[in-house]
Amino acid sequence: GYAAQFAEDASYVIFMGDAMFGRAAIAQTHHEVFTRWQKGTRMAVKP
């Protein structure tokens, strides 16, 4: 659901300096994020 908000060919650069390209890579990486490093976290975001 997170990755679905990004274009099929989106670029995604995180603060640590890693980059991923494409919705599939965003989904795969965030599966690991949500099941390991950031499991159970919530997001705050404000424009």
ModelCIF file with pLDDT and N, C-alpha, C, O atoms, coordinates in Angstrom:
data_MODEL
#
_entry.id   MODEL 
#
_entity.id                         1 
_entity.type                       polymer 
_entity.pdbx_number_of_molecules   1 
#
_entity_poly.entity_id                      1 
_entity_poly.type                           'polypeptide(L)' 
_entity_poly.nstd_linkage                   no 
_entity_poly.nstd_monomer                   no 
_entity_poly.pdbx_seq_one_letter_code       GYAAQFAEDASYVIFMGDAMFGRAAIAQTHHEVFTRWQKGTRMAVKP 
_entity_poly.pdbx_seq_one_letter_code_can   GYAAQFAEDASYVIFMGDAMFGRAAIAQTHHEVFTRWQKGTRMAVKP 
_entity_poly.pdbx_strand_id                 A 
#
loop_
_entity_poly_seq.entity_id 
_entity_poly_seq.num 
_entity_poly_seq.mon_id 
_entity_poly_seq.hetero 
1 1  GLY n 
1 2  TYR n 
1 3  ALA n 
1 4  ALA n 
1 5  GLN n 
1 6  PHE n 
1 7  ALA n 
1 8  GLU n 
1 9  ASP n 
1 10 ALA n 
1 11 SER n 
1 12 TYR n 
1 13 VAL n 
1 14 ILE n 
1 15 PHE n 
1 16 MET n 
1 17 GLY n 
1 18 ASP n 
1 19 ALA n 
1 20 MET n 
1 21 PHE n 
1 22 GLY n 
1 23 ARG n 
1 24 ALA n 
1 25 ALA n 
1 26 ILE n 
1 27 ALA n 
1 28 GLN n 
1 29 THR n 
1 30 HIS n 
1 31 HIS n 
1 32 GLU n 
1 33 VAL n 
1 34 PHE n 
1 35 THR n 
1 36 ARG n 
1 37 TRP n 
1 38 GLN n 
1 39 LYS n 
1 40 GLY n 
1 41 THR n 
1 42 ARG n 
1 43 MET n 
1 44 ALA n 
1 45 VAL n 
1 46 LYS n 
1 47 PRO n 
#
_struct_asym.id          A 
_struct_asym.entity_id   1 
#
loop_
_ma_qa_metric.id 
_ma_qa_metric.mode 
_ma_qa_metric.name 
_ma_qa_metric.software_group_id 
_ma_qa_metric.type 
1 global pLDDT . pLDDT 
2 local  pLDDT . pLDDT 
#
_ma_qa_metric_global.metric_id      1 
_ma_qa_metric_global.metric_value   93.57 
_ma_qa_metric_global.model_id       1 
_ma_qa_metric_global.ordinal_id     1 
#
loop_
_ma_qa_metric_local.label_asym_id 
_ma_qa_metric_local.label_comp_id 
_ma_qa_metric_local.label_seq_id 
_ma_qa_metric_local.metric_id 
_ma_qa_metric_local.metric_value 
_ma_qa_metric_local.model_id 
_ma_qa_metric_local.ordinal_id 
A GLY 1  2 97.00 1 1  
A TYR 2  2 97.00 1 2  
A ALA 3  2 97.00 1 3  
A ALA 4  2 97.00 1 4  
A GLN 5  2 98.00 1 5  
A PHE 6  2 98.00 1 6  
A ALA 7  2 98.00 1 7  
A GLU 8  2 97.00 1 8  
A ASP 9  2 98.00 1 9  
A ALA 10 2 98.00 1 10 
A SER 11 2 98.00 1 11 
A TYR 12 2 97.00 1 12 
A VAL 13 2 96.00 1 13 
A ILE 14 2 90.00 1 14 
A PHE 15 2 85.00 1 15 
A MET 16 2 83.00 1 16 
A GLY 17 2 86.00 1 17 
A ASP 18 2 90.00 1 18 
A ALA 19 2 94.00 1 19 
A MET 20 2 94.00 1 20 
A PHE 21 2 97.00 1 21 
A GLY 22 2 97.00 1 22 
A ARG 23 2 97.00 1 23 
A ALA 24 2 97.00 1 24 
A ALA 25 2 96.00 1 25 
A ILE 26 2 96.00 1 26 
A ALA 27 2 96.00 1 27 
A GLN 28 2 94.00 1 28 
A THR 29 2 92.00 1 29 
A HIS 30 2 90.00 1 30 
A HIS 31 2 93.00 1 31 
A GLU 32 2 89.00 1 32 
A VAL 33 2 87.00 1 33 
A PHE 34 2 91.00 1 34 
A THR 35 2 91.00 1 35 
A ARG 36 2 90.00 1 36 
A TRP 37 2 86.00 1 37 
A GLN 38 2 89.00 1 38 
A LYS 39 2 89.00 1 39 
A GLY 40 2 86.00 1 40 
A THR 41 2 93.00 1 41 
A ARG 42 2 95.00 1 42 
A MET 43 2 95.00 1 43 
A ALA 44 2 95.00 1 44 
A VAL 45 2 96.00 1 45 
A LYS 46 2 96.00 1 46 
A PRO 47 2 97.00 1 47 
#
loop_
_atom_site.group_PDB 
_atom_site.id 
_atom_site.type_symbol 
_atom_site.label_atom_id 
_atom_site.label_alt_id 
_atom_site.label_comp_id 
_atom_site.label_asym_id 
_atom_site.label_entity_id 
_atom_site.label_seq_id 
_atom_site.pdbx_PDB_ins_code 
_atom_site.Cartn_x 
_atom_site.Cartn_y 
_atom_site.Cartn_z 
_atom_site.occupancy 
_atom_site.B_iso_or_equiv 
_atom_site.pdbx_formal_charge 
_atom_site.auth_seq_id 
_atom_site.auth_comp_id 
_atom_site.auth_asym_id 
_atom_site.auth_atom_id 
_atom_site.pdbx_PDB_model_num 
ATOM 1   N N  . GLY A 1 1  ? 0.818  -1.214 0.000   1.00 97.00 ? 1  GLY A N  1 
ATOM 2   C CA . GLY A 1 1  ? 0.000  0.000  0.000   1.00 97.00 ? 1  GLY A CA 1 
ATOM 3   C C  . GLY A 1 1  ? 0.845  1.253  0.000   1.00 97.00 ? 1  GLY A C  1 
ATOM 4   O O  . GLY A 1 1  ? 0.491  2.243  -0.641  1.00 97.00 ? 1  GLY A O  1 
ATOM 5   N N  . TYR A 1 2  ? 1.956  1.223  0.711   1.00 97.00 ? 2  TYR A N  1 
ATOM 6   C CA . TYR A 1 2  ? 2.884  2.345  0.729   1.00 97.00 ? 2  TYR A CA 1 
ATOM 7   C C  . TYR A 1 2  ? 3.480  2.543  -0.663  1.00 97.00 ? 2  TYR A C  1 
ATOM 8   O O  . TYR A 1 2  ? 3.460  3.650  -1.201  1.00 97.00 ? 2  TYR A O  1 
ATOM 9   N N  . ALA A 1 3  ? 4.004  1.474  -1.237  1.00 97.00 ? 3  ALA A N  1 
ATOM 10  C CA . ALA A 1 3  ? 4.639  1.564  -2.553  1.00 97.00 ? 3  ALA A CA 1 
ATOM 11  C C  . ALA A 1 3  ? 3.647  1.952  -3.645  1.00 97.00 ? 3  ALA A C  1 
ATOM 12  O O  . ALA A 1 3  ? 4.035  2.559  -4.643  1.00 97.00 ? 3  ALA A O  1 
ATOM 13  N N  . ALA A 1 4  ? 2.379  1.610  -3.471  1.00 97.00 ? 4  ALA A N  1 
ATOM 14  C CA . ALA A 1 4  ? 1.359  1.943  -4.478  1.00 97.00 ? 4  ALA A CA 1 
ATOM 15  C C  . ALA A 1 4  ? 1.186  3.447  -4.643  1.00 97.00 ? 4  ALA A C  1 
ATOM 16  O O  . ALA A 1 4  ? 0.609  3.890  -5.636  1.00 97.00 ? 4  ALA A O  1 
ATOM 17  N N  . GLN A 1 5  ? 1.672  4.239  -3.697  1.00 98.00 ? 5  GLN A N  1 
ATOM 18  C CA . GLN A 1 5  ? 1.555  5.697  -3.782  1.00 98.00 ? 5  GLN A CA 1 
ATOM 19  C C  . GLN A 1 5  ? 2.670  6.307  -4.635  1.00 98.00 ? 5  GLN A C  1 
ATOM 20  O O  . GLN A 1 5  ? 2.701  7.518  -4.855  1.00 98.00 ? 5  GLN A O  1 
ATOM 21  N N  . PHE A 1 6  ? 3.572  5.470  -5.106  1.00 98.00 ? 6  PHE A N  1 
ATOM 22  C CA . PHE A 1 6  ? 4.707  5.915  -5.911  1.00 98.00 ? 6  PHE A CA 1 
ATOM 23  C C  . PHE A 1 6  ? 4.545  5.426  -7.347  1.00 98.00 ? 6  PHE A C  1 
ATOM 24  O O  . PHE A 1 6  ? 3.969  4.367  -7.597  1.00 98.00 ? 6  PHE A O  1 
ATOM 25  N N  . ALA A 1 7  ? 5.062  6.215  -8.282  1.00 98.00 ? 7  ALA A N  1 
ATOM 26  C CA . ALA A 1 7  ? 5.001  5.847  -9.701  1.00 98.00 ? 7  ALA A CA 1 
ATOM 27  C C  . ALA A 1 7  ? 5.778  4.555  -9.941  1.00 98.00 ? 7  ALA A C  1 
ATOM 28  O O  . ALA A 1 7  ? 6.674  4.196  -9.178  1.00 98.00 ? 7  ALA A O  1 
ATOM 29  N N  . GLU A 1 8  ? 5.420  3.886  -10.991 1.00 97.00 ? 8  GLU A N  1 
ATOM 30  C CA . GLU A 1 8  ? 6.071  2.623  -11.355 1.00 97.00 ? 8  GLU A CA 1 
ATOM 31  C C  . GLU A 1 8  ? 7.590  2.792  -11.451 1.00 97.00 ? 8  GLU A C  1 
ATOM 32  O O  . GLU A 1 8  ? 8.342  1.882  -11.100 1.00 97.00 ? 8  GLU A O  1 
ATOM 33  N N  . ASP A 1 9  ? 8.040  3.967  -11.929 1.00 98.00 ? 9  ASP A N  1 
ATOM 34  C CA . ASP A 1 9  ? 9.474  4.217  -12.113 1.00 98.00 ? 9  ASP A CA 1 
ATOM 35  C C  . ASP A 1 9  ? 10.014 5.283  -11.147 1.00 98.00 ? 9  ASP A C  1 
ATOM 36  O O  . ASP A 1 9  ? 10.979 5.974  -11.473 1.00 98.00 ? 9  ASP A O  1 
ATOM 37  N N  . ALA A 1 10 ? 9.408  5.420  -9.979  1.00 98.00 ? 10 ALA A N  1 
ATOM 38  C CA . ALA A 1 10 ? 9.795  6.457  -9.021  1.00 98.00 ? 10 ALA A CA 1 
ATOM 39  C C  . ALA A 1 10 ? 11.227 6.268  -8.511  1.00 98.00 ? 10 ALA A C  1 
ATOM 40  O O  . ALA A 1 10 ? 11.752 5.156  -8.463  1.00 98.00 ? 10 ALA A O  1 
ATOM 41  N N  . SER A 1 11 ? 11.835 7.393  -8.134  1.00 98.00 ? 11 SER A N  1 
ATOM 42  C CA . SER A 1 11 ? 13.118 7.342  -7.426  1.00 98.00 ? 11 SER A CA 1 
ATOM 43  C C  . SER A 1 11 ? 12.853 7.660  -5.958  1.00 98.00 ? 11 SER A C  1 
ATOM 44  O O  . SER A 1 11 ? 11.982 8.470  -5.639  1.00 98.00 ? 11 SER A O  1 
ATOM 45  N N  . TYR A 1 12 ? 13.613 7.015  -5.061  1.00 97.00 ? 12 TYR A N  1 
ATOM 46  C CA . TYR A 1 12 ? 13.378 7.110  -3.623  1.00 97.00 ? 12 TYR A CA 1 
ATOM 47  C C  . TYR A 1 12 ? 14.735 7.131  -2.943  1.00 97.00 ? 12 TYR A C  1 
ATOM 48  O O  . TYR A 1 12 ? 15.447 6.127  -2.940  1.00 97.00 ? 12 TYR A O  1 
ATOM 49  N N  . VAL A 1 13 ? 15.099 8.282  -2.362  1.00 96.00 ? 13 VAL A N  1 
ATOM 50  C CA . VAL A 1 13 ? 16.405 8.451  -1.728  1.00 96.00 ? 13 VAL A CA 1 
ATOM 51  C C  . VAL A 1 13 ? 16.186 8.686  -0.240  1.00 96.00 ? 13 VAL A C  1 
ATOM 52  O O  . VAL A 1 13 ? 15.446 9.587  0.156   1.00 96.00 ? 13 VAL A O  1 
ATOM 53  N N  . ILE A 1 14 ? 16.847 7.857  0.589   1.00 90.00 ? 14 ILE A N  1 
ATOM 54  C CA . ILE A 1 14 ? 16.681 7.984  2.036   1.00 90.00 ? 14 ILE A CA 1 
ATOM 55  C C  . ILE A 1 14 ? 17.835 8.780  2.639   1.00 90.00 ? 14 ILE A C  1 
ATOM 56  O O  . ILE A 1 14 ? 18.866 8.988  1.999   1.00 90.00 ? 14 ILE A O  1 
ATOM 57  N N  . PHE A 1 15 ? 17.642 9.223  3.889   1.00 85.00 ? 15 PHE A N  1 
ATOM 58  C CA . PHE A 1 15 ? 18.600 10.128 4.524   1.00 85.00 ? 15 PHE A CA 1 
ATOM 59  C C  . PHE A 1 15 ? 19.978 9.516  4.702   1.00 85.00 ? 15 PHE A C  1 
ATOM 60  O O  . PHE A 1 15 ? 20.959 10.251 4.808   1.00 85.00 ? 15 PHE A O  1 
ATOM 61  N N  . MET A 1 16 ? 20.082 8.193  4.738   1.00 83.00 ? 16 MET A N  1 
ATOM 62  C CA . MET A 1 16 ? 21.388 7.544  4.899   1.00 83.00 ? 16 MET A CA 1 
ATOM 63  C C  . MET A 1 16 ? 22.176 7.541  3.598   1.00 83.00 ? 16 MET A C  1 
ATOM 64  O O  . MET A 1 16 ? 23.350 7.172  3.586   1.00 83.00 ? 16 MET A O  1 
ATOM 65  N N  . GLY A 1 17 ? 21.539 7.951  2.497   1.00 86.00 ? 17 GLY A N  1 
ATOM 66  C CA . GLY A 1 17 ? 22.245 8.015  1.225   1.00 86.00 ? 17 GLY A CA 1 
ATOM 67  C C  . GLY A 1 17 ? 21.973 6.856  0.299   1.00 86.00 ? 17 GLY A C  1 
ATOM 68  O O  . GLY A 1 17 ? 22.583 6.769  -0.767  1.00 86.00 ? 17 GLY A O  1 
ATOM 69  N N  . ASP A 1 18 ? 21.071 5.956  0.675   1.00 90.00 ? 18 ASP A N  1 
ATOM 70  C CA . ASP A 1 18 ? 20.702 4.860  -0.216  1.00 90.00 ? 18 ASP A CA 1 
ATOM 71  C C  . ASP A 1 18 ? 19.599 5.317  -1.173  1.00 90.00 ? 18 ASP A C  1 
ATOM 72  O O  . ASP A 1 18 ? 18.744 6.129  -0.819  1.00 90.00 ? 18 ASP A O  1 
ATOM 73  N N  . ALA A 1 19 ? 19.641 4.780  -2.381  1.00 94.00 ? 19 ALA A N  1 
ATOM 74  C CA . ALA A 1 19 ? 18.618 5.109  -3.378  1.00 94.00 ? 19 ALA A CA 1 
ATOM 75  C C  . ALA A 1 19 ? 18.007 3.819  -3.911  1.00 94.00 ? 19 ALA A C  1 
ATOM 76  O O  . ALA A 1 19 ? 18.684 2.802  -4.061  1.00 94.00 ? 19 ALA A O  1 
ATOM 77  N N  . MET A 1 20 ? 16.726 3.888  -4.190  1.00 94.00 ? 20 MET A N  1 
ATOM 78  C CA . MET A 1 20 ? 16.055 2.776  -4.862  1.00 94.00 ? 20 MET A CA 1 
ATOM 79  C C  . MET A 1 20 ? 15.240 3.348  -6.010  1.00 94.00 ? 20 MET A C  1 
ATOM 80  O O  . MET A 1 20 ? 14.836 4.510  -5.986  1.00 94.00 ? 20 MET A O  1 
ATOM 81  N N  . PHE A 1 21 ? 15.009 2.527  -6.998  1.00 97.00 ? 21 PHE A N  1 
ATOM 82  C CA . PHE A 1 21 ? 14.322 2.979  -8.191  1.00 97.00 ? 21 PHE A CA 1 
ATOM 83  C C  . PHE A 1 21 ? 13.227 1.992  -8.553  1.00 97.00 ? 21 PHE A C  1 
ATOM 84  O O  . PHE A 1 21 ? 13.476 0.797  -8.713  1.00 97.00 ? 21 PHE A O  1 
ATOM 85  N N  . GLY A 1 22 ? 12.018 2.506  -8.678  1.00 97.00 ? 22 GLY A N  1 
ATOM 86  C CA . GLY A 1 22 ? 10.873 1.697  -9.078  1.00 97.00 ? 22 GLY A CA 1 
ATOM 87  C C  . GLY A 1 22 ? 10.017 1.265  -7.908  1.00 97.00 ? 22 GLY A C  1 
ATOM 88  O O  . GLY A 1 22 ? 10.503 1.050  -6.798  1.00 97.00 ? 22 GLY A O  1 
ATOM 89  N N  . ARG A 1 23 ? 8.736  1.144  -8.181  1.00 97.00 ? 23 ARG A N  1 
ATOM 90  C CA . ARG A 1 23 ? 7.753  0.765  -7.158  1.00 97.00 ? 23 ARG A CA 1 
ATOM 91  C C  . ARG A 1 23 ? 8.073  -0.597 -6.544  1.00 97.00 ? 23 ARG A C  1 
ATOM 92  O O  . ARG A 1 23 ? 7.912  -0.786 -5.338  1.00 97.00 ? 23 ARG A O  1 
ATOM 93  N N  . ALA A 1 24 ? 8.522  -1.541 -7.362  1.00 97.00 ? 24 ALA A N  1 
ATOM 94  C CA . ALA A 1 24 ? 8.817  -2.885 -6.845  1.00 97.00 ? 24 ALA A CA 1 
ATOM 95  C C  . ALA A 1 24 ? 9.930  -2.829 -5.802  1.00 97.00 ? 24 ALA A C  1 
ATOM 96  O O  . ALA A 1 24 ? 9.841  -3.495 -4.771  1.00 97.00 ? 24 ALA A O  1 
ATOM 97  N N  . ALA A 1 25 ? 10.975 -2.044 -6.056  1.00 96.00 ? 25 ALA A N  1 
ATOM 98  C CA . ALA A 1 25 ? 12.075 -1.915 -5.090  1.00 96.00 ? 25 ALA A CA 1 
ATOM 99  C C  . ALA A 1 25 ? 11.600 -1.218 -3.819  1.00 96.00 ? 25 ALA A C  1 
ATOM 100 O O  . ALA A 1 25 ? 12.020 -1.576 -2.719  1.00 96.00 ? 25 ALA A O  1 
ATOM 101 N N  . ILE A 1 26 ? 10.735 -0.232 -3.966  1.00 96.00 ? 26 ILE A N  1 
ATOM 102 C CA . ILE A 1 26 ? 10.191 0.469  -2.800  1.00 96.00 ? 26 ILE A CA 1 
ATOM 103 C C  . ILE A 1 26 ? 9.372  -0.500 -1.949  1.00 96.00 ? 26 ILE A C  1 
ATOM 104 O O  . ILE A 1 26 ? 9.485  -0.505 -0.723  1.00 96.00 ? 26 ILE A O  1 
ATOM 105 N N  . ALA A 1 27 ? 8.552  -1.312 -2.597  1.00 96.00 ? 27 ALA A N  1 
ATOM 106 C CA . ALA A 1 27 ? 7.735  -2.291 -1.867  1.00 96.00 ? 27 ALA A CA 1 
ATOM 107 C C  . ALA A 1 27 ? 8.617  -3.321 -1.164  1.00 96.00 ? 27 ALA A C  1 
ATOM 108 O O  . ALA A 1 27 ? 8.401  -3.623 0.009   1.00 96.00 ? 27 ALA A O  1 
ATOM 109 N N  . GLN A 1 28 ? 9.600  -3.855 -1.867  1.00 94.00 ? 28 GLN A N  1 
ATOM 110 C CA . GLN A 1 28 ? 10.477 -4.877 -1.278  1.00 94.00 ? 28 GLN A CA 1 
ATOM 111 C C  . GLN A 1 28 ? 11.233 -4.312 -0.086  1.00 94.00 ? 28 GLN A C  1 
ATOM 112 O O  . GLN A 1 28 ? 11.282 -4.947 0.967   1.00 94.00 ? 28 GLN A O  1 
ATOM 113 N N  . THR A 1 29 ? 11.815 -3.147 -0.231  1.00 92.00 ? 29 THR A N  1 
ATOM 114 C CA . THR A 1 29 ? 12.573 -2.534 0.858   1.00 92.00 ? 29 THR A CA 1 
ATOM 115 C C  . THR A 1 29 ? 11.672 -2.242 2.054   1.00 92.00 ? 29 THR A C  1 
ATOM 116 O O  . THR A 1 29 ? 12.054 -2.484 3.199   1.00 92.00 ? 29 THR A O  1 
ATOM 117 N N  . HIS A 1 30 ? 10.473 -1.721 1.786   1.00 90.00 ? 30 HIS A N  1 
ATOM 118 C CA . HIS A 1 30 ? 9.588  -1.371 2.897   1.00 90.00 ? 30 HIS A CA 1 
ATOM 119 C C  . HIS A 1 30 ? 8.976  -2.599 3.569   1.00 90.00 ? 30 HIS A C  1 
ATOM 120 O O  . HIS A 1 30 ? 8.579  -2.529 4.732   1.00 90.00 ? 30 HIS A O  1 
ATOM 121 N N  . HIS A 1 31 ? 8.896  -3.707 2.863   1.00 93.00 ? 31 HIS A N  1 
ATOM 122 C CA . HIS A 1 31 ? 8.493  -4.944 3.539   1.00 93.00 ? 31 HIS A CA 1 
ATOM 123 C C  . HIS A 1 31 ? 9.512  -5.243 4.647   1.00 93.00 ? 31 HIS A C  1 
ATOM 124 O O  . HIS A 1 31 ? 9.133  -5.568 5.772   1.00 93.00 ? 31 HIS A O  1 
ATOM 125 N N  . GLU A 1 32 ? 10.795 -5.133 4.326   1.00 89.00 ? 32 GLU A N  1 
ATOM 126 C CA . GLU A 1 32 ? 11.846 -5.353 5.329   1.00 89.00 ? 32 GLU A CA 1 
ATOM 127 C C  . GLU A 1 32 ? 11.785 -4.283 6.420   1.00 89.00 ? 32 GLU A C  1 
ATOM 128 O O  . GLU A 1 32 ? 11.921 -4.596 7.603   1.00 89.00 ? 32 GLU A O  1 
ATOM 129 N N  . VAL A 1 33 ? 11.584 -3.032 6.032   1.00 87.00 ? 33 VAL A N  1 
ATOM 130 C CA . VAL A 1 33 ? 11.491 -1.942 7.006   1.00 87.00 ? 33 VAL A CA 1 
ATOM 131 C C  . VAL A 1 33 ? 10.370 -2.221 8.005   1.00 87.00 ? 33 VAL A C  1 
ATOM 132 O O  . VAL A 1 33 ? 10.567 -2.100 9.214   1.00 87.00 ? 33 VAL A O  1 
ATOM 133 N N  . PHE A 1 34 ? 9.191  -2.596 7.497   1.00 91.00 ? 34 PHE A N  1 
ATOM 134 C CA . PHE A 1 34 ? 8.018  -2.779 8.352   1.00 91.00 ? 34 PHE A CA 1 
ATOM 135 C C  . PHE A 1 34 ? 8.052  -4.065 9.173   1.00 91.00 ? 34 PHE A C  1 
ATOM 136 O O  . PHE A 1 34 ? 7.361  -4.168 10.186  1.00 91.00 ? 34 PHE A O  1 
ATOM 137 N N  . THR A 1 35 ? 8.843  -5.039 8.750   1.00 91.00 ? 35 THR A N  1 
ATOM 138 C CA . THR A 1 35 ? 8.904  -6.297 9.508   1.00 91.00 ? 35 THR A CA 1 
ATOM 139 C C  . THR A 1 35 ? 10.169 -6.410 10.360  1.00 91.00 ? 35 THR A C  1 
ATOM 140 O O  . THR A 1 35 ? 10.298 -7.341 11.155  1.00 91.00 ? 35 THR A O  1 
ATOM 141 N N  . ARG A 1 36 ? 11.101 -5.471 10.200  1.00 90.00 ? 36 ARG A N  1 
ATOM 142 C CA . ARG A 1 36 ? 12.347 -5.525 10.964  1.00 90.00 ? 36 ARG A CA 1 
ATOM 143 C C  . ARG A 1 36 ? 12.614 -4.226 11.705  1.00 90.00 ? 36 ARG A C  1 
ATOM 144 O O  . ARG A 1 36 ? 12.276 -4.093 12.881  1.00 90.00 ? 36 ARG A O  1 
ATOM 145 N N  . TRP A 1 37 ? 13.221 -3.266 11.014  1.00 86.00 ? 37 TRP A N  1 
ATOM 146 C CA . TRP A 1 37 ? 13.782 -2.079 11.668  1.00 86.00 ? 37 TRP A CA 1 
ATOM 147 C C  . TRP A 1 37 ? 12.736 -1.111 12.202  1.00 86.00 ? 37 TRP A C  1 
ATOM 148 O O  . TRP A 1 37 ? 12.958 -0.482 13.237  1.00 86.00 ? 37 TRP A O  1 
ATOM 149 N N  . GLN A 1 38 ? 11.618 -0.981 11.532  1.00 89.00 ? 38 GLN A N  1 
ATOM 150 C CA . GLN A 1 38 ? 10.610 0.001  11.943  1.00 89.00 ? 38 GLN A CA 1 
ATOM 151 C C  . GLN A 1 38 ? 9.274  -0.668 12.272  1.00 89.00 ? 38 GLN A C  1 
ATOM 152 O O  . GLN A 1 38 ? 8.221  -0.038 12.167  1.00 89.00 ? 38 GLN A O  1 
ATOM 153 N N  . LYS A 1 39 ? 9.316  -1.923 12.664  1.00 89.00 ? 39 LYS A N  1 
ATOM 154 C CA . LYS A 1 39 ? 8.091  -2.665 12.975  1.00 89.00 ? 39 LYS A CA 1 
ATOM 155 C C  . LYS A 1 39 ? 7.314  -1.954 14.090  1.00 89.00 ? 39 LYS A C  1 
ATOM 156 O O  . LYS A 1 39 ? 7.864  -1.629 15.142  1.00 89.00 ? 39 LYS A O  1 
ATOM 157 N N  . GLY A 1 40 ? 6.028  -1.724 13.832  1.00 86.00 ? 40 GLY A N  1 
ATOM 158 C CA . GLY A 1 40 ? 5.164  -1.122 14.833  1.00 86.00 ? 40 GLY A CA 1 
ATOM 159 C C  . GLY A 1 40 ? 5.274  0.387  14.967  1.00 86.00 ? 40 GLY A C  1 
ATOM 160 O O  . GLY A 1 40 ? 4.674  0.974  15.868  1.00 86.00 ? 40 GLY A O  1 
ATOM 161 N N  . THR A 1 41 ? 6.037  1.025  14.078  1.00 93.00 ? 41 THR A N  1 
ATOM 162 C CA . THR A 1 41 ? 6.179  2.476  14.173  1.00 93.00 ? 41 THR A CA 1 
ATOM 163 C C  . THR A 1 41 ? 5.024  3.182  13.471  1.00 93.00 ? 41 THR A C  1 
ATOM 164 O O  . THR A 1 41 ? 4.299  2.605  12.661  1.00 93.00 ? 41 THR A O  1 
ATOM 165 N N  . ARG A 1 42 ? 4.891  4.450  13.820  1.00 95.00 ? 42 ARG A N  1 
ATOM 166 C CA . ARG A 1 42 ? 3.899  5.319  13.175  1.00 95.00 ? 42 ARG A CA 1 
ATOM 167 C C  . ARG A 1 42 ? 4.640  6.490  12.541  1.00 95.00 ? 42 ARG A C  1 
ATOM 168 O O  . ARG A 1 42 ? 5.768  6.812  12.914  1.00 95.00 ? 42 ARG A O  1 
ATOM 169 N N  . MET A 1 43 ? 3.978  7.118  11.574  1.00 95.00 ? 43 MET A N  1 
ATOM 170 C CA . MET A 1 43 ? 4.564  8.238  10.849  1.00 95.00 ? 43 MET A CA 1 
ATOM 171 C C  . MET A 1 43 ? 3.836  9.530  11.201  1.00 95.00 ? 43 MET A C  1 
ATOM 172 O O  . MET A 1 43 ? 2.612  9.560  11.328  1.00 95.00 ? 43 MET A O  1 
ATOM 173 N N  . ALA A 1 44 ? 4.610  10.585 11.353  1.00 95.00 ? 44 ALA A N  1 
ATOM 174 C CA . ALA A 1 44 ? 4.058  11.940 11.415  1.00 95.00 ? 44 ALA A CA 1 
ATOM 175 C C  . ALA A 1 44 ? 4.582  12.668 10.185  1.00 95.00 ? 44 ALA A C  1 
ATOM 176 O O  . ALA A 1 44 ? 5.771  12.592 9.874   1.00 95.00 ? 44 ALA A O  1 
ATOM 177 N N  . VAL A 1 45 ? 3.705  13.366 9.491   1.00 96.00 ? 45 VAL A N  1 
ATOM 178 C CA . VAL A 1 45 ? 4.114  14.103 8.293   1.00 96.00 ? 45 VAL A CA 1 
ATOM 179 C C  . VAL A 1 45 ? 3.247  15.352 8.178   1.00 96.00 ? 45 VAL A C  1 
ATOM 180 O O  . VAL A 1 45 ? 2.032  15.303 8.366   1.00 96.00 ? 45 VAL A O  1 
ATOM 181 N N  . LYS A 1 46 ? 3.897  16.471 7.864   1.00 96.00 ? 46 LYS A N  1 
ATOM 182 C CA . LYS A 1 46 ? 3.183  17.748 7.776   1.00 96.00 ? 46 LYS A CA 1 
ATOM 183 C C  . LYS A 1 46 ? 3.786  18.566 6.638   1.00 96.00 ? 46 LYS A C  1 
ATOM 184 O O  . LYS A 1 46 ? 4.999  18.778 6.611   1.00 96.00 ? 46 LYS A O  1 
ATOM 185 N N  . PRO A 1 47 ? 2.964  19.027 5.699   1.00 97.00 ? 47 PRO A N  1 
ATOM 186 C CA . PRO A 1 47 ? 3.504  19.861 4.621   1.00 97.00 ? 47 PRO A CA 1 
ATOM 187 C C  . PRO A 1 47 ? 3.897  21.235 5.152   1.00 97.00 ? 47 PRO A C  1 
ATOM 188 O O  . PRO A 1 47 ? 4.372  22.078 4.390   1.00 97.00 ? 47 PRO A O  1 
#
